[in-house]
Amino acid sequence: MTNTTKSTKIVDFQSPYSPIDYPSKNSHNSGNNNYNGGNEMDKYVTHPELKNSELRLTNKIDNIDNKIDLMMAHIDTKFESVNTKFESVDAKFSQQKVWLITTVISVAAATCTIVGFMIKLIH
């Protein structure tokens, strides 16, 4: 039997970089609080700030929705006005069509009568 011995080698790691100097959480940096608690808190918001932002956005969306509703009602009114004008023009066109047909028939009848009378005079 062989005896196996495990040898452990420990290597001391020396970094060429100097350690980062983080300000302590209690440090106020001489009244200049640039670190916001030392954890870059400017990236985060509190619950009241989030609710306030949510309410402002909701109000803006509601205002835009109300404006869209008003515009749609205005557009509907304009379309109704244009539709009424088209119906008026269509009614006038129908009246003019009847008048035109009556006039064409009358002129054709008068022309036939005159031509018939001239034919009798020539023979």
N, C-alpha and C. Protein backbone atom coordinates (compact mmCIF):
# COMPACT_ATOMS: atom_id res chain seq x y z
N MET A 1 0.82 -1.18 0.00
CA MET A 1 0.00 0.00 0.00
C MET A 1 0.85 1.24 0.00
N THR A 2 0.31 2.18 -0.69
CA THR A 2 1.05 3.43 -0.76
C THR A 2 0.34 4.49 0.05
N ASN A 3 1.09 5.27 0.67
CA ASN A 3 0.54 6.40 1.42
C ASN A 3 0.51 7.62 0.52
N THR A 4 -0.67 8.18 0.39
CA THR A 4 -0.80 9.37 -0.42
C THR A 4 -0.94 10.56 0.50
N THR A 5 -0.08 11.47 0.32
CA THR A 5 -0.19 12.69 1.12
C THR A 5 -0.59 13.81 0.19
N LYS A 6 -1.54 14.56 0.68
CA LYS A 6 -2.01 15.72 -0.09
C LYS A 6 -1.24 16.93 0.37
N SER A 7 -0.69 17.62 -0.58
CA SER A 7 0.00 18.85 -0.23
C SER A 7 -0.85 20.02 -0.69
N THR A 8 -0.96 20.96 0.12
CA THR A 8 -1.74 22.15 -0.20
C THR A 8 -0.77 23.30 -0.40
N LYS A 9 -0.93 23.93 -1.56
CA LYS A 9 -0.10 25.08 -1.85
C LYS A 9 -0.97 26.32 -1.76
N ILE A 10 -0.59 27.26 -0.99
CA ILE A 10 -1.31 28.52 -0.83
C ILE A 10 -0.48 29.60 -1.50
N VAL A 11 -1.15 30.29 -2.43
CA VAL A 11 -0.46 31.35 -3.14
C VAL A 11 -1.03 32.67 -2.66
N ASP A 12 -0.19 33.57 -2.26
CA ASP A 12 -0.62 34.88 -1.80
C ASP A 12 -0.89 35.75 -3.03
N PHE A 13 -2.11 36.25 -3.15
CA PHE A 13 -2.49 37.08 -4.30
C PHE A 13 -2.24 38.53 -3.98
N GLN A 14 -1.49 39.18 -4.80
CA GLN A 14 -1.20 40.60 -4.64
C GLN A 14 -1.75 41.31 -5.86
N SER A 15 -2.75 42.15 -5.68
CA SER A 15 -3.36 42.88 -6.78
C SER A 15 -2.54 44.11 -7.11
N PRO A 16 -2.36 44.40 -8.40
CA PRO A 16 -1.62 45.62 -8.75
C PRO A 16 -2.47 46.87 -8.58
N TYR A 17 -3.76 46.69 -8.29
CA TYR A 17 -4.66 47.84 -8.14
C TYR A 17 -4.80 48.20 -6.69
N SER A 18 -4.99 49.50 -6.45
CA SER A 18 -5.19 49.93 -5.08
C SER A 18 -6.66 49.75 -4.71
N PRO A 19 -6.96 49.51 -3.46
CA PRO A 19 -8.36 49.32 -3.06
C PRO A 19 -9.16 50.61 -3.26
N ILE A 20 -10.45 50.43 -3.53
CA ILE A 20 -11.32 51.58 -3.76
C ILE A 20 -11.71 52.16 -2.41
N ASP A 21 -11.65 53.46 -2.33
CA ASP A 21 -11.99 54.13 -1.08
C ASP A 21 -13.46 54.53 -1.12
N TYR A 22 -14.33 53.71 -0.54
CA TYR A 22 -15.76 54.03 -0.47
C TYR A 22 -16.02 54.88 0.75
N PRO A 23 -16.85 55.90 0.61
CA PRO A 23 -17.19 56.69 1.80
C PRO A 23 -18.09 55.85 2.71
N SER A 24 -17.98 56.09 3.98
CA SER A 24 -18.80 55.33 4.92
C SER A 24 -20.24 55.81 4.83
N LYS A 25 -21.18 54.96 5.29
CA LYS A 25 -22.59 55.32 5.23
C LYS A 25 -22.91 56.50 6.12
N ASN A 26 -22.13 56.69 7.15
CA ASN A 26 -22.38 57.79 8.08
C ASN A 26 -21.69 59.07 7.65
N SER A 27 -20.87 59.00 6.62
CA SER A 27 -20.14 60.16 6.16
C SER A 27 -21.06 61.09 5.40
N HIS A 28 -20.97 62.37 5.71
CA HIS A 28 -21.79 63.36 5.02
C HIS A 28 -20.96 64.20 4.07
N ASN A 29 -19.66 63.89 3.98
CA ASN A 29 -18.77 64.57 3.05
C ASN A 29 -18.82 66.08 3.24
N SER A 30 -18.64 66.51 4.43
CA SER A 30 -18.60 67.94 4.79
C SER A 30 -19.86 68.67 4.36
N GLY A 31 -21.01 68.07 4.49
CA GLY A 31 -22.26 68.73 4.14
C GLY A 31 -22.62 68.58 2.68
N ASN A 32 -21.72 68.08 1.86
CA ASN A 32 -21.99 67.88 0.43
C ASN A 32 -22.35 66.41 0.24
N ASN A 33 -23.64 66.14 0.17
CA ASN A 33 -24.11 64.76 0.10
C ASN A 33 -24.20 64.30 -1.35
N ASN A 34 -23.08 64.14 -2.01
CA ASN A 34 -23.05 63.70 -3.40
C ASN A 34 -23.28 62.21 -3.53
N TYR A 35 -23.11 61.48 -2.45
CA TYR A 35 -23.15 60.03 -2.53
C TYR A 35 -24.53 59.46 -2.26
N ASN A 36 -25.45 60.26 -1.77
CA ASN A 36 -26.83 59.83 -1.50
C ASN A 36 -26.87 58.54 -0.69
N GLY A 37 -26.17 58.52 0.39
CA GLY A 37 -26.18 57.34 1.23
C GLY A 37 -25.07 56.38 0.89
N GLY A 38 -24.27 56.69 -0.08
CA GLY A 38 -23.15 55.84 -0.41
C GLY A 38 -23.50 54.69 -1.33
N ASN A 39 -24.75 54.54 -1.71
CA ASN A 39 -25.14 53.42 -2.56
C ASN A 39 -25.77 53.87 -3.86
N GLU A 40 -25.43 55.04 -4.33
CA GLU A 40 -25.97 55.58 -5.57
C GLU A 40 -27.49 55.54 -5.58
N MET A 41 -28.09 56.12 -4.57
CA MET A 41 -29.55 56.08 -4.40
C MET A 41 -30.27 56.94 -5.43
N ASP A 42 -29.55 57.72 -6.22
CA ASP A 42 -30.23 58.53 -7.23
C ASP A 42 -30.81 57.66 -8.34
N LYS A 43 -30.44 56.39 -8.39
CA LYS A 43 -30.99 55.47 -9.37
C LYS A 43 -32.35 54.91 -8.94
N TYR A 44 -32.72 55.11 -7.71
CA TYR A 44 -33.92 54.50 -7.16
C TYR A 44 -34.89 55.58 -6.69
N VAL A 45 -36.15 55.22 -6.58
CA VAL A 45 -37.16 56.14 -6.08
C VAL A 45 -37.87 55.51 -4.89
N THR A 46 -38.46 56.36 -4.09
CA THR A 46 -39.24 55.85 -2.97
C THR A 46 -40.67 55.56 -3.43
N HIS A 47 -41.40 54.85 -2.62
CA HIS A 47 -42.78 54.52 -2.97
C HIS A 47 -43.64 55.77 -3.16
N PRO A 48 -43.56 56.77 -2.28
CA PRO A 48 -44.35 57.98 -2.52
C PRO A 48 -43.97 58.69 -3.82
N GLU A 49 -42.68 58.73 -4.15
CA GLU A 49 -42.27 59.35 -5.42
C GLU A 49 -42.82 58.57 -6.60
N LEU A 50 -42.80 57.24 -6.50
CA LEU A 50 -43.33 56.40 -7.58
C LEU A 50 -44.83 56.61 -7.73
N LYS A 51 -45.56 56.65 -6.63
CA LYS A 51 -47.01 56.89 -6.69
C LYS A 51 -47.31 58.25 -7.29
N ASN A 52 -46.54 59.27 -6.88
CA ASN A 52 -46.74 60.62 -7.39
C ASN A 52 -46.50 60.65 -8.90
N SER A 53 -45.44 60.00 -9.35
CA SER A 53 -45.15 59.93 -10.78
C SER A 53 -46.25 59.18 -11.52
N GLU A 54 -46.72 58.10 -10.93
CA GLU A 54 -47.80 57.32 -11.55
C GLU A 54 -49.08 58.16 -11.67
N LEU A 55 -49.41 58.92 -10.62
CA LEU A 55 -50.60 59.78 -10.66
C LEU A 55 -50.47 60.86 -11.72
N ARG A 56 -49.27 61.47 -11.81
CA ARG A 56 -49.07 62.50 -12.83
C ARG A 56 -49.23 61.93 -14.24
N LEU A 57 -48.65 60.75 -14.47
CA LEU A 57 -48.78 60.12 -15.79
C LEU A 57 -50.23 59.73 -16.08
N THR A 58 -50.92 59.23 -15.07
CA THR A 58 -52.33 58.86 -15.25
C THR A 58 -53.16 60.09 -15.58
N ASN A 59 -52.89 61.19 -14.90
CA ASN A 59 -53.62 62.43 -15.18
C ASN A 59 -53.34 62.93 -16.60
N LYS A 60 -52.09 62.84 -17.02
CA LYS A 60 -51.75 63.26 -18.39
C LYS A 60 -52.45 62.39 -19.41
N ILE A 61 -52.47 61.09 -19.17
CA ILE A 61 -53.16 60.17 -20.10
C ILE A 61 -54.65 60.47 -20.13
N ASP A 62 -55.24 60.73 -18.95
CA ASP A 62 -56.67 61.06 -18.90
C ASP A 62 -56.96 62.35 -19.66
N ASN A 63 -56.08 63.36 -19.51
CA ASN A 63 -56.27 64.62 -20.24
C ASN A 63 -56.18 64.41 -21.74
N ILE A 64 -55.22 63.60 -22.16
CA ILE A 64 -55.10 63.31 -23.59
C ILE A 64 -56.33 62.56 -24.08
N ASP A 65 -56.82 61.62 -23.28
CA ASP A 65 -58.01 60.86 -23.65
C ASP A 65 -59.23 61.78 -23.76
N ASN A 66 -59.36 62.74 -22.84
CA ASN A 66 -60.47 63.69 -22.91
C ASN A 66 -60.36 64.57 -24.17
N LYS A 67 -59.15 65.00 -24.49
CA LYS A 67 -58.95 65.81 -25.69
C LYS A 67 -59.31 65.02 -26.94
N ILE A 68 -58.92 63.75 -26.96
CA ILE A 68 -59.26 62.90 -28.11
C ILE A 68 -60.76 62.75 -28.23
N ASP A 69 -61.45 62.56 -27.10
CA ASP A 69 -62.92 62.44 -27.12
C ASP A 69 -63.56 63.71 -27.67
N LEU A 70 -63.05 64.88 -27.24
CA LEU A 70 -63.59 66.15 -27.74
C LEU A 70 -63.35 66.30 -29.24
N MET A 71 -62.16 65.91 -29.68
CA MET A 71 -61.85 66.01 -31.10
C MET A 71 -62.74 65.06 -31.92
N MET A 72 -62.97 63.88 -31.40
CA MET A 72 -63.82 62.92 -32.10
C MET A 72 -65.26 63.44 -32.19
N ALA A 73 -65.74 64.06 -31.12
CA ALA A 73 -67.09 64.63 -31.14
C ALA A 73 -67.14 65.77 -32.16
N HIS A 74 -66.10 66.58 -32.22
CA HIS A 74 -66.04 67.69 -33.19
C HIS A 74 -66.02 67.14 -34.62
N ILE A 75 -65.23 66.10 -34.83
CA ILE A 75 -65.16 65.48 -36.16
C ILE A 75 -66.51 64.90 -36.55
N ASP A 76 -67.18 64.25 -35.58
CA ASP A 76 -68.51 63.69 -35.87
C ASP A 76 -69.49 64.79 -36.27
N THR A 77 -69.41 65.94 -35.58
CA THR A 77 -70.28 67.07 -35.92
C THR A 77 -69.99 67.57 -37.32
N LYS A 78 -68.71 67.67 -37.66
CA LYS A 78 -68.34 68.12 -39.01
C LYS A 78 -68.82 67.14 -40.07
N PHE A 79 -68.66 65.84 -39.82
CA PHE A 79 -69.13 64.84 -40.78
C PHE A 79 -70.65 64.91 -40.95
N GLU A 80 -71.35 65.12 -39.85
CA GLU A 80 -72.81 65.24 -39.94
C GLU A 80 -73.20 66.46 -40.77
N SER A 81 -72.47 67.57 -40.58
CA SER A 81 -72.73 68.78 -41.36
C SER A 81 -72.48 68.53 -42.85
N VAL A 82 -71.37 67.87 -43.17
CA VAL A 82 -71.06 67.57 -44.57
C VAL A 82 -72.11 66.62 -45.14
N ASN A 83 -72.53 65.65 -44.36
CA ASN A 83 -73.54 64.69 -44.81
C ASN A 83 -74.86 65.40 -45.12
N THR A 84 -75.24 66.37 -44.27
CA THR A 84 -76.46 67.14 -44.51
C THR A 84 -76.34 67.93 -45.81
N LYS A 85 -75.17 68.51 -46.05
CA LYS A 85 -74.97 69.27 -47.30
C LYS A 85 -75.06 68.35 -48.51
N PHE A 86 -74.46 67.16 -48.42
CA PHE A 86 -74.56 66.21 -49.53
C PHE A 86 -76.00 65.78 -49.79
N GLU A 87 -76.76 65.57 -48.73
CA GLU A 87 -78.16 65.21 -48.90
C GLU A 87 -78.92 66.34 -49.58
N SER A 88 -78.61 67.59 -49.21
CA SER A 88 -79.24 68.75 -49.84
C SER A 88 -78.89 68.82 -51.33
N VAL A 89 -77.62 68.62 -51.65
CA VAL A 89 -77.18 68.64 -53.05
C VAL A 89 -77.82 67.49 -53.81
N ASP A 90 -77.91 66.33 -53.18
CA ASP A 90 -78.52 65.16 -53.82
C ASP A 90 -80.00 65.42 -54.12
N ALA A 91 -80.71 66.07 -53.19
CA ALA A 91 -82.13 66.39 -53.43
C ALA A 91 -82.27 67.39 -54.58
N LYS A 92 -81.39 68.40 -54.61
CA LYS A 92 -81.43 69.38 -55.70
C LYS A 92 -81.11 68.71 -57.04
N PHE A 93 -80.14 67.79 -57.03
CA PHE A 93 -79.80 67.08 -58.25
C PHE A 93 -80.98 66.24 -58.75
N SER A 94 -81.70 65.61 -57.82
CA SER A 94 -82.88 64.82 -58.21
C SER A 94 -83.93 65.72 -58.85
N GLN A 95 -84.15 66.91 -58.28
CA GLN A 95 -85.11 67.85 -58.84
C GLN A 95 -84.65 68.32 -60.22
N GLN A 96 -83.36 68.61 -60.35
CA GLN A 96 -82.84 69.06 -61.63
C GLN A 96 -82.90 67.95 -62.67
N LYS A 97 -82.72 66.71 -62.25
CA LYS A 97 -82.78 65.59 -63.18
C LYS A 97 -84.20 65.46 -63.74
N VAL A 98 -85.19 65.59 -62.88
CA VAL A 98 -86.59 65.53 -63.34
C VAL A 98 -86.86 66.69 -64.29
N TRP A 99 -86.40 67.90 -63.94
CA TRP A 99 -86.60 69.06 -64.79
C TRP A 99 -85.92 68.86 -66.14
N LEU A 100 -84.67 68.31 -66.13
CA LEU A 100 -83.92 68.09 -67.35
C LEU A 100 -84.63 67.07 -68.25
N ILE A 101 -85.10 65.99 -67.68
CA ILE A 101 -85.81 64.97 -68.47
C ILE A 101 -87.08 65.56 -69.08
N THR A 102 -87.83 66.33 -68.28
CA THR A 102 -89.05 66.97 -68.78
C THR A 102 -88.72 67.93 -69.92
N THR A 103 -87.65 68.71 -69.76
CA THR A 103 -87.24 69.67 -70.78
C THR A 103 -86.82 68.95 -72.06
N VAL A 104 -86.05 67.88 -71.95
CA VAL A 104 -85.59 67.13 -73.12
C VAL A 104 -86.78 66.53 -73.86
N ILE A 105 -87.75 65.97 -73.14
CA ILE A 105 -88.94 65.40 -73.78
C ILE A 105 -89.75 66.49 -74.48
N SER A 106 -89.89 67.64 -73.83
CA SER A 106 -90.66 68.74 -74.43
C SER A 106 -89.97 69.27 -75.69
N VAL A 107 -88.66 69.44 -75.66
CA VAL A 107 -87.92 69.92 -76.82
C VAL A 107 -88.00 68.90 -77.94
N ALA A 108 -87.87 67.61 -77.62
CA ALA A 108 -87.96 66.57 -78.64
C ALA A 108 -89.35 66.56 -79.28
N ALA A 109 -90.38 66.70 -78.47
CA ALA A 109 -91.76 66.72 -79.00
C ALA A 109 -91.98 67.95 -79.88
N ALA A 110 -91.47 69.10 -79.43
CA ALA A 110 -91.61 70.33 -80.22
C ALA A 110 -90.85 70.21 -81.53
N THR A 111 -89.64 69.63 -81.49
CA THR A 111 -88.85 69.44 -82.71
C THR A 111 -89.56 68.51 -83.68
N CYS A 112 -90.12 67.43 -83.19
CA CYS A 112 -90.86 66.50 -84.06
C CYS A 112 -92.08 67.19 -84.68
N THR A 113 -92.77 68.01 -83.91
CA THR A 113 -93.94 68.71 -84.43
C THR A 113 -93.53 69.69 -85.51
N ILE A 114 -92.46 70.45 -85.27
CA ILE A 114 -92.01 71.43 -86.25
C ILE A 114 -91.53 70.74 -87.53
N VAL A 115 -90.74 69.67 -87.37
CA VAL A 115 -90.24 68.93 -88.53
C VAL A 115 -91.42 68.33 -89.31
N GLY A 116 -92.40 67.78 -88.62
CA GLY A 116 -93.59 67.22 -89.28
C GLY A 116 -94.36 68.27 -90.03
N PHE A 117 -94.50 69.48 -89.45
CA PHE A 117 -95.21 70.57 -90.10
C PHE A 117 -94.46 71.02 -91.36
N MET A 118 -93.12 71.07 -91.30
CA MET A 118 -92.33 71.48 -92.46
C MET A 118 -92.42 70.43 -93.58
N ILE A 119 -92.46 69.17 -93.19
CA ILE A 119 -92.59 68.12 -94.21
C ILE A 119 -93.94 68.26 -94.93
N LYS A 120 -94.99 68.58 -94.24
CA LYS A 120 -96.32 68.76 -94.86
C LYS A 120 -96.31 69.97 -95.79
N LEU A 121 -95.57 71.03 -95.39
CA LEU A 121 -95.53 72.21 -96.24
C LEU A 121 -94.75 71.95 -97.53
N ILE A 122 -93.73 71.17 -97.46
CA ILE A 122 -92.93 70.88 -98.65
C ILE A 122 -93.71 69.96 -99.60
N HIS A 123 -94.47 69.06 -99.22
CA HIS A 123 -95.20 68.12 -100.11
C HIS A 123 -96.45 68.73 -100.53
